[in-house]
Protein backbone atom coordinates (compact mmCIF):
# COMPACT_ATOMS: atom_id res chain seq x y z
CA MET A 1 28.20 103.03 90.38
CA SER A 2 31.00 102.66 92.93
CA ASN A 3 33.45 104.31 90.55
CA ALA A 4 31.04 107.20 89.92
CA VAL A 5 30.37 107.79 93.62
CA ALA A 6 34.08 107.60 94.45
CA SER A 7 34.98 110.08 91.70
CA VAL A 8 32.36 112.60 92.83
CA ALA A 9 33.52 112.15 96.44
CA VAL A 10 37.14 112.85 95.47
CA VAL A 11 36.13 116.00 93.59
CA ALA A 12 34.14 117.22 96.60
CA LEU A 13 36.94 116.43 99.05
CA ALA A 14 39.52 118.16 96.87
CA CYS A 15 37.44 121.35 96.65
CA ALA A 16 36.68 121.29 100.38
CA ALA A 17 40.37 120.85 101.22
CA HIS A 18 41.30 123.69 98.86
CA ALA A 19 38.72 126.01 100.43
CA ALA A 20 39.97 125.16 103.92
CA VAL A 21 43.47 126.49 103.22
CA PRO A 22 43.74 130.15 104.37
CA ALA A 23 46.19 130.99 101.56
CA PHE A 24 43.45 130.31 99.00
CA ARG A 25 40.69 132.30 100.65
CA GLN A 26 41.53 135.60 98.93
CA ALA A 27 41.18 134.06 95.46
CA LEU A 28 37.98 132.28 96.46
CA ASP A 29 36.42 135.44 97.94
CA ARG A 30 37.48 137.73 95.08
CA GLU A 31 34.62 139.04 92.96
CA HIS A 32 35.00 138.98 89.19
CA VAL A 33 32.95 141.03 86.73
CA VAL A 34 32.98 140.15 83.03
CA ALA A 35 30.51 141.53 80.48
CA GLY A 36 28.09 142.51 83.24
CA TRP A 37 28.22 139.14 84.99
CA ALA A 38 29.56 139.10 88.56
CA TRP A 39 30.60 136.08 90.59
CA ARG A 40 33.07 135.10 93.27
CA GLY A 41 35.94 132.70 92.83
CA SER A 42 34.24 130.16 95.09
CA ASP A 43 31.16 130.24 92.84
CA PHE A 44 33.32 129.45 89.82
CA LEU A 45 35.10 126.58 91.60
CA LEU A 46 31.77 125.12 92.73
CA ALA A 47 30.29 125.35 89.23
CA ALA A 48 33.40 123.89 87.59
CA ALA A 49 33.58 121.06 90.12
CA SER A 50 29.88 120.26 89.72
CA ILE A 51 30.09 120.09 85.93
CA TYR A 52 33.30 118.07 86.05
CA GLY A 53 31.89 115.68 88.66
CA MET A 54 28.74 115.06 86.65
CA VAL A 55 30.69 114.42 83.43
CA VAL A 56 33.08 112.01 85.16
CA ALA A 57 30.21 110.21 86.90
CA ALA A 58 28.35 109.83 83.60
CA TRP A 59 31.51 108.52 81.94
CA MET A 60 31.93 105.96 84.72
CA LEU A 61 28.29 104.84 84.54
CA LEU A 62 28.42 104.40 80.77
CA ASP A 63 31.64 102.38 80.82
CA ARG A 64 30.77 98.96 79.37
CA GLU A 65 33.81 97.22 80.86
CA PRO A 66 34.35 98.94 84.21
CA ALA A 67 37.43 98.29 86.31
CA ARG A 68 38.13 99.74 89.73
CA SER A 69 38.89 103.44 89.18
CA SER A 70 41.83 105.33 90.65
CA SER A 71 39.46 107.33 92.86
CA LEU A 72 37.88 104.19 94.28
CA ARG A 73 41.25 102.55 94.86
CA ALA A 74 42.55 105.69 96.58
CA LEU A 75 39.53 105.99 98.89
CA VAL A 76 39.76 102.32 99.83
CA ALA A 77 43.47 102.72 100.58
CA LEU A 78 42.81 105.79 102.72
CA TRP A 79 40.04 103.96 104.58
CA ARG A 80 42.42 101.08 105.28
CA LEU A 81 44.97 103.56 106.57
CA VAL A 82 42.44 105.16 108.92
CA ARG A 83 41.15 101.81 110.20
CA SER A 84 44.50 100.13 110.72
CA PRO A 85 47.53 102.31 109.99
CA ARG A 86 50.02 99.84 111.46
CA ALA A 87 48.74 96.94 109.40
CA LEU A 88 48.75 98.95 106.19
CA LEU A 89 52.25 100.30 106.81
CA ALA A 90 53.48 96.79 107.57
CA GLN A 91 51.82 95.21 104.52
CA GLY A 92 52.26 98.15 102.16
CA LEU A 93 50.20 98.84 99.07
CA ASP A 94 50.44 96.99 95.81
CA ARG A 95 51.62 98.93 92.76
CA ALA A 96 48.14 99.67 91.40
CA ASP A 97 46.82 100.98 94.73
CA ARG A 98 49.94 103.05 95.34
CA LEU A 99 49.72 104.60 91.88
CA ALA A 100 46.03 105.34 92.39
CA LEU A 101 46.65 106.96 95.77
CA PHE A 102 49.52 109.13 94.56
CA SER A 103 47.77 110.21 91.37
CA THR A 104 44.54 111.03 93.25
CA LEU A 105 46.41 113.11 95.83
CA LEU A 106 48.23 114.89 93.01
CA LYS A 107 45.03 115.69 91.11
CA GLY A 108 43.25 116.66 94.32
CA PHE A 109 45.89 119.27 95.09
CA PHE A 110 46.60 120.64 91.62
CA GLY A 111 43.09 120.38 90.15
CA PRO A 112 41.41 123.19 92.15
CA LEU A 113 44.63 125.22 92.10
CA MET A 114 44.83 125.09 88.30
CA VAL A 115 41.11 125.85 87.88
CA MET A 116 41.38 128.97 90.05
CA SER A 117 44.56 130.08 88.28
CA LEU A 118 42.83 129.57 84.96
CA LEU A 119 40.00 131.84 86.09
CA ALA A 120 42.42 134.57 87.17
CA PHE A 121 44.36 134.56 83.90
CA CYS A 122 41.21 134.37 81.76
CA VAL A 123 39.61 137.32 83.54
CA GLY A 124 42.92 139.22 83.41
CA ALA A 125 43.21 138.72 79.65
CA TRP A 126 39.55 139.74 79.17
CA HIS A 127 39.97 142.95 81.13
CA GLY A 128 43.15 143.69 79.23
CA LEU A 129 41.24 143.40 75.97
CA GLU A 130 38.43 145.59 77.34
CA HIS A 131 40.83 148.33 78.38
CA LEU A 132 42.68 148.10 75.10
CA TRP A 133 39.46 148.31 73.13
CA SER A 134 38.07 151.25 75.12
CA THR A 135 41.14 153.47 75.41
CA GLY A 136 44.27 151.66 74.34
CA TRP A 137 44.04 152.21 70.60
CA ALA A 138 44.00 155.97 71.16
CA THR A 139 47.34 155.87 73.00
CA SER A 140 49.93 157.46 70.73
CA ASN A 141 52.96 156.82 72.94
CA GLY A 142 54.33 153.34 72.23
CA LEU A 143 55.98 152.95 75.64
CA THR A 144 52.77 153.96 77.43
CA TRP A 145 50.77 151.48 75.32
CA PHE A 146 53.24 148.70 76.13
CA ASP A 147 53.25 149.45 79.86
CA ARG A 148 49.48 149.76 80.23
CA TYR A 149 48.20 147.14 77.82
CA GLY A 150 50.69 145.29 75.65
CA PHE A 151 52.82 143.56 78.28
CA TRP A 152 50.00 142.52 80.60
CA LEU A 153 47.68 141.35 77.84
CA ALA A 154 50.43 139.22 76.30
CA LEU A 155 51.50 137.78 79.67
CA GLN A 156 47.96 136.95 80.82
CA THR A 157 47.18 135.28 77.49
CA ILE A 158 50.37 133.22 77.57
CA LEU A 159 49.76 132.08 81.14
CA PHE A 160 46.15 131.25 80.30
CA VAL A 161 47.31 128.89 77.52
CA ASP A 162 49.85 127.26 79.83
CA VAL A 163 47.46 126.76 82.75
CA ALA A 164 44.62 125.60 80.48
CA LEU A 165 46.75 122.73 79.19
CA PHE A 166 47.86 121.74 82.67
CA THR A 167 44.29 121.94 83.96
CA VAL A 168 43.05 119.58 81.26
CA GLY A 169 46.08 117.37 81.80
CA TYR A 170 45.29 116.96 85.49
CA LEU A 171 41.54 116.50 85.13
CA ILE A 172 41.39 114.21 82.09
CA GLU A 173 43.19 110.88 81.94
CA SER A 174 42.45 108.28 79.29
CA ASP A 175 44.13 105.53 77.32
CA ARG A 176 42.39 106.82 74.21
CA LEU A 177 44.02 110.23 74.66
CA GLY A 178 47.41 108.69 75.37
CA ASN A 179 47.84 110.49 78.69
CA ARG A 180 47.25 107.72 81.19
CA ILE A 181 49.45 108.17 84.28
CA ARG A 182 52.00 105.37 84.25
CA SER A 183 53.78 106.35 87.45
CA VAL A 184 54.01 109.14 90.00
CA ASP A 185 57.28 110.22 91.59
CA PRO A 186 57.38 108.24 94.87
CA THR A 187 60.16 110.27 96.54
CA TRP A 188 59.78 112.88 99.25
CA LEU A 189 62.46 115.02 97.58
CA GLY A 190 60.62 115.06 94.27
CA TRP A 191 57.34 116.09 95.87
CA ALA A 192 59.00 118.70 98.07
CA ALA A 193 60.86 120.31 95.16
CA ALA A 194 57.63 120.62 93.17
CA LEU A 195 55.27 121.70 95.95
CA LEU A 196 57.63 124.37 97.27
CA CYS A 197 57.03 126.28 94.02
CA TYR A 198 53.24 126.44 94.51
CA PRO A 199 50.92 127.98 97.12
CA PRO A 200 50.56 127.58 99.99
CA PHE A 201 54.00 125.96 100.28
CA ASN A 202 55.82 128.68 98.33
CA ALA A 203 55.14 131.01 101.27
CA VAL A 204 57.65 128.91 103.21
CA THR A 205 60.08 129.07 100.29
CA GLY A 206 59.67 132.83 100.09
CA ALA A 207 60.21 133.21 103.83
CA ILE A 208 63.50 131.32 103.54
CA LEU A 209 64.81 132.52 100.20
CA GLY A 210 63.10 135.90 99.93
CA SER A 211 61.51 137.10 96.68
CA GLN A 212 63.61 139.61 94.78
CA HIS A 213 61.40 139.59 91.71
CA GLU A 214 58.82 141.62 89.79
CA ASP A 215 56.57 140.30 87.03
CA PHE A 216 56.92 143.62 85.21
CA PRO A 217 60.32 145.11 86.14
CA GLN A 218 60.88 148.82 85.64
CA PHE A 219 64.06 150.13 84.03
CA ALA A 220 65.04 153.79 83.81
CA ASP A 221 66.17 153.64 80.20
CA ALA A 222 63.19 153.27 77.84
CA THR A 223 65.09 151.07 75.36
CA VAL A 224 66.36 148.76 78.08
CA HIS A 225 62.85 148.66 79.56
CA LEU A 226 61.25 147.60 76.27
CA VAL A 227 63.95 145.09 75.36
CA ALA A 228 64.04 143.49 78.83
CA ASN A 229 60.29 143.14 79.18
CA GLY A 230 59.87 142.13 75.55
CA THR A 231 62.40 139.38 76.24
CA ILE A 232 60.31 138.25 79.20
CA ILE A 233 57.28 137.92 76.91
CA VAL A 234 59.30 135.89 74.38
CA LEU A 235 60.65 133.62 77.13
CA MET A 236 57.19 133.06 78.58
CA ALA A 237 55.88 132.30 75.08
CA VAL A 238 58.49 129.55 74.75
CA TYR A 239 57.51 128.44 78.27
CA ALA A 240 53.91 128.06 77.09
CA ALA A 241 55.10 126.37 73.88
CA ALA A 242 56.66 123.69 76.06
CA SER A 243 53.24 123.08 77.62
CA VAL A 244 51.69 122.93 74.15
CA ALA A 245 54.28 120.30 73.22
CA LEU A 246 53.31 118.25 76.28
CA GLY A 247 49.65 118.55 75.32
CA LEU A 248 47.33 116.47 77.47
CA LYS A 249 50.36 114.87 79.16
CA ALA A 250 51.08 118.13 80.98
CA SER A 251 51.26 117.64 84.75
CA ASN A 252 53.80 117.63 87.56
CA LEU A 253 55.44 114.58 89.13
CA THR A 254 53.91 112.12 86.66
CA HIS A 255 55.13 109.93 83.84
CA ARG A 256 52.68 109.76 80.93
CA GLY A 257 55.13 109.06 78.12
CA ILE A 258 58.25 110.78 76.82
CA VAL A 259 57.75 113.97 74.78
CA SER A 260 60.53 115.06 72.42
CA ARG A 261 58.78 117.54 70.12
CA GLY A 262 58.74 121.32 70.16
CA PRO A 263 61.17 122.96 72.62
CA TYR A 264 61.92 119.50 74.06
CA ALA A 265 63.79 118.68 70.86
CA TRP A 266 66.41 121.28 71.88
CA VAL A 267 66.74 120.92 75.65
CA ARG A 268 65.21 118.59 78.23
CA HIS A 269 63.79 121.32 80.48
CA PRO A 270 62.87 124.30 78.28
CA ALA A 271 60.12 125.56 80.60
CA TYR A 272 62.45 125.78 83.60
CA THR A 273 65.11 127.53 81.52
CA CYS A 274 62.71 130.17 80.24
CA LYS A 275 61.07 130.73 83.61
CA ASN A 276 64.44 131.17 85.33
CA ILE A 277 65.81 133.61 82.76
CA ALA A 278 62.56 135.60 82.96
CA TRP A 279 62.93 135.52 86.75
CA TRP A 280 66.49 136.86 86.50
CA ILE A 281 65.37 139.75 84.29
CA GLY A 282 62.50 140.51 86.67
CA SER A 283 64.93 140.49 89.60
CA ALA A 284 67.59 142.72 88.05
CA PRO A 285 66.20 146.13 89.20
CA LEU A 286 65.62 144.95 92.78
CA VAL A 287 69.05 143.35 92.98
CA GLY A 288 70.55 146.60 91.69
CA VAL A 289 68.71 148.60 94.36
CA ALA A 290 69.91 146.14 97.01
CA PHE A 291 73.55 146.60 95.94
CA ASP A 292 73.05 150.37 96.12
CA GLN A 293 72.18 149.84 99.79
CA GLY A 294 75.34 147.86 100.44
CA VAL A 295 77.34 144.78 99.53
CA VAL A 296 75.65 142.62 102.16
CA ALA A 297 72.12 143.56 101.02
CA GLY A 298 73.07 143.05 97.39
CA THR A 299 74.66 139.68 98.08
CA MET A 300 71.55 138.51 99.95
CA ALA A 301 69.32 139.63 97.07
CA LEU A 302 71.53 137.79 94.60
CA ALA A 303 71.48 134.72 96.84
CA SER A 304 67.66 134.83 96.79
CA VAL A 305 67.63 134.69 93.00
CA LEU A 306 70.20 131.89 93.02
CA GLY A 307 68.17 129.96 95.60
CA TRP A 308 65.02 129.98 93.43
CA THR A 309 67.11 128.94 90.43
CA LEU A 310 68.60 126.01 92.32
CA LEU A 311 65.12 124.92 93.39
CA TYR A 312 64.09 124.58 89.74
CA VAL A 313 67.35 122.78 88.99
CA LEU A 314 66.43 120.36 91.77
CA ARG A 315 63.02 119.87 90.20
CA ALA A 316 64.67 119.02 86.89
CA LEU A 317 67.04 116.52 88.51
CA THR A 318 64.32 114.76 90.52
CA GLU A 319 62.07 114.57 87.46
CA GLU A 320 64.87 112.98 85.46
CA ASP A 321 65.62 110.48 88.23
CA HIS A 322 61.95 109.50 88.27
CA LEU A 323 61.66 109.11 84.49
CA ARG A 324 64.93 107.16 84.21
CA SER A 325 63.77 104.76 86.92
CA VAL A 326 60.51 103.86 85.19
CA ASP A 327 61.15 104.20 81.46
CA ALA A 328 64.28 103.24 79.52
CA GLU A 329 63.07 105.48 76.69
CA TYR A 330 64.05 108.52 78.73
CA ALA A 331 67.71 107.48 78.71
CA ALA A 332 67.54 107.24 74.91
CA TYR A 333 65.90 110.67 74.76
CA ALA A 334 68.59 112.13 77.06
CA ALA A 335 71.28 110.66 74.80
CA ARG A 336 69.72 112.45 71.80
CA VAL A 337 69.03 115.73 73.62
CA ARG A 338 72.16 116.06 75.69
CA ARG A 339 71.59 119.49 77.24
CA ARG A 340 69.22 120.04 80.12
CA PHE A 341 68.82 123.81 80.02
CA ILE A 342 70.79 125.65 77.33
CA PRO A 343 71.38 124.24 73.83
CA GLY A 344 75.05 123.46 73.28
CA LEU A 345 76.10 124.63 76.75
CA LEU A 346 74.40 123.22 79.80
């Protein structure tokens, strides 16, 4: 019963904290209409959290050999911190409590964020199919069809697959499924590198680095336009394939076992490679415009792209440091797959 109550409390606190962040209000207030049904983002989050909380509570209550859950350990640790912060900081937390606290904070942040992203991509893919079905098939011009329907439908579907796997990875953790969290990166640098890529923290990153990027860049030459954006779709498909390879182990800042299948058999960070190359392609027109305005403007735009790239390189390095420190198997994997980003080169 304690485990069930603690789990429901963590779900409620995570959703309340998410709703309290101004950067998330637009997504929560947005109204979605699918097949005649209309609801706001906040309604979806509440429904998803309620169903998830009830399932987790039932799972906890039916457990025949219950041990103290991560949620319960985390709440107890937080209560100790509130009651006597000096004593807790002096004594520290044992490994189990520290792991529970870090993993609960991680799930509490990413859980609602992934659920809301999943809604956005699902609705986007649905509307893309609706538009394609109603008018798209009658479009005779291939470039027009690609611009209006093909690119966006493919991208939304790919991102839906990626986010769906990460959502399940964050919300479901079980020894039976082989995705139990063994450790969470304990370093400030590791957490900072990851969180600076996600809202609301990426607003700070954007303010510092700028954002010379478009999801769907426009090129004057039709052939270049199709090839460049088609390449983005292929890169993002490989990006999603990396998530498929991770399966239910997909999540940031955690160690749930070493994965070496799929794209990870070729390089150690295939998702970061694909996302960065797609980012470079999406930045090319804006960087070109900036250079047309002057060398200084162009150099600053190029520096923005480089800055985002280096941030993902930092994520890769901190992730490797974490995995090497907790699992000798990662060193063996790195010896087999020697390149981090580009097969045979880097």
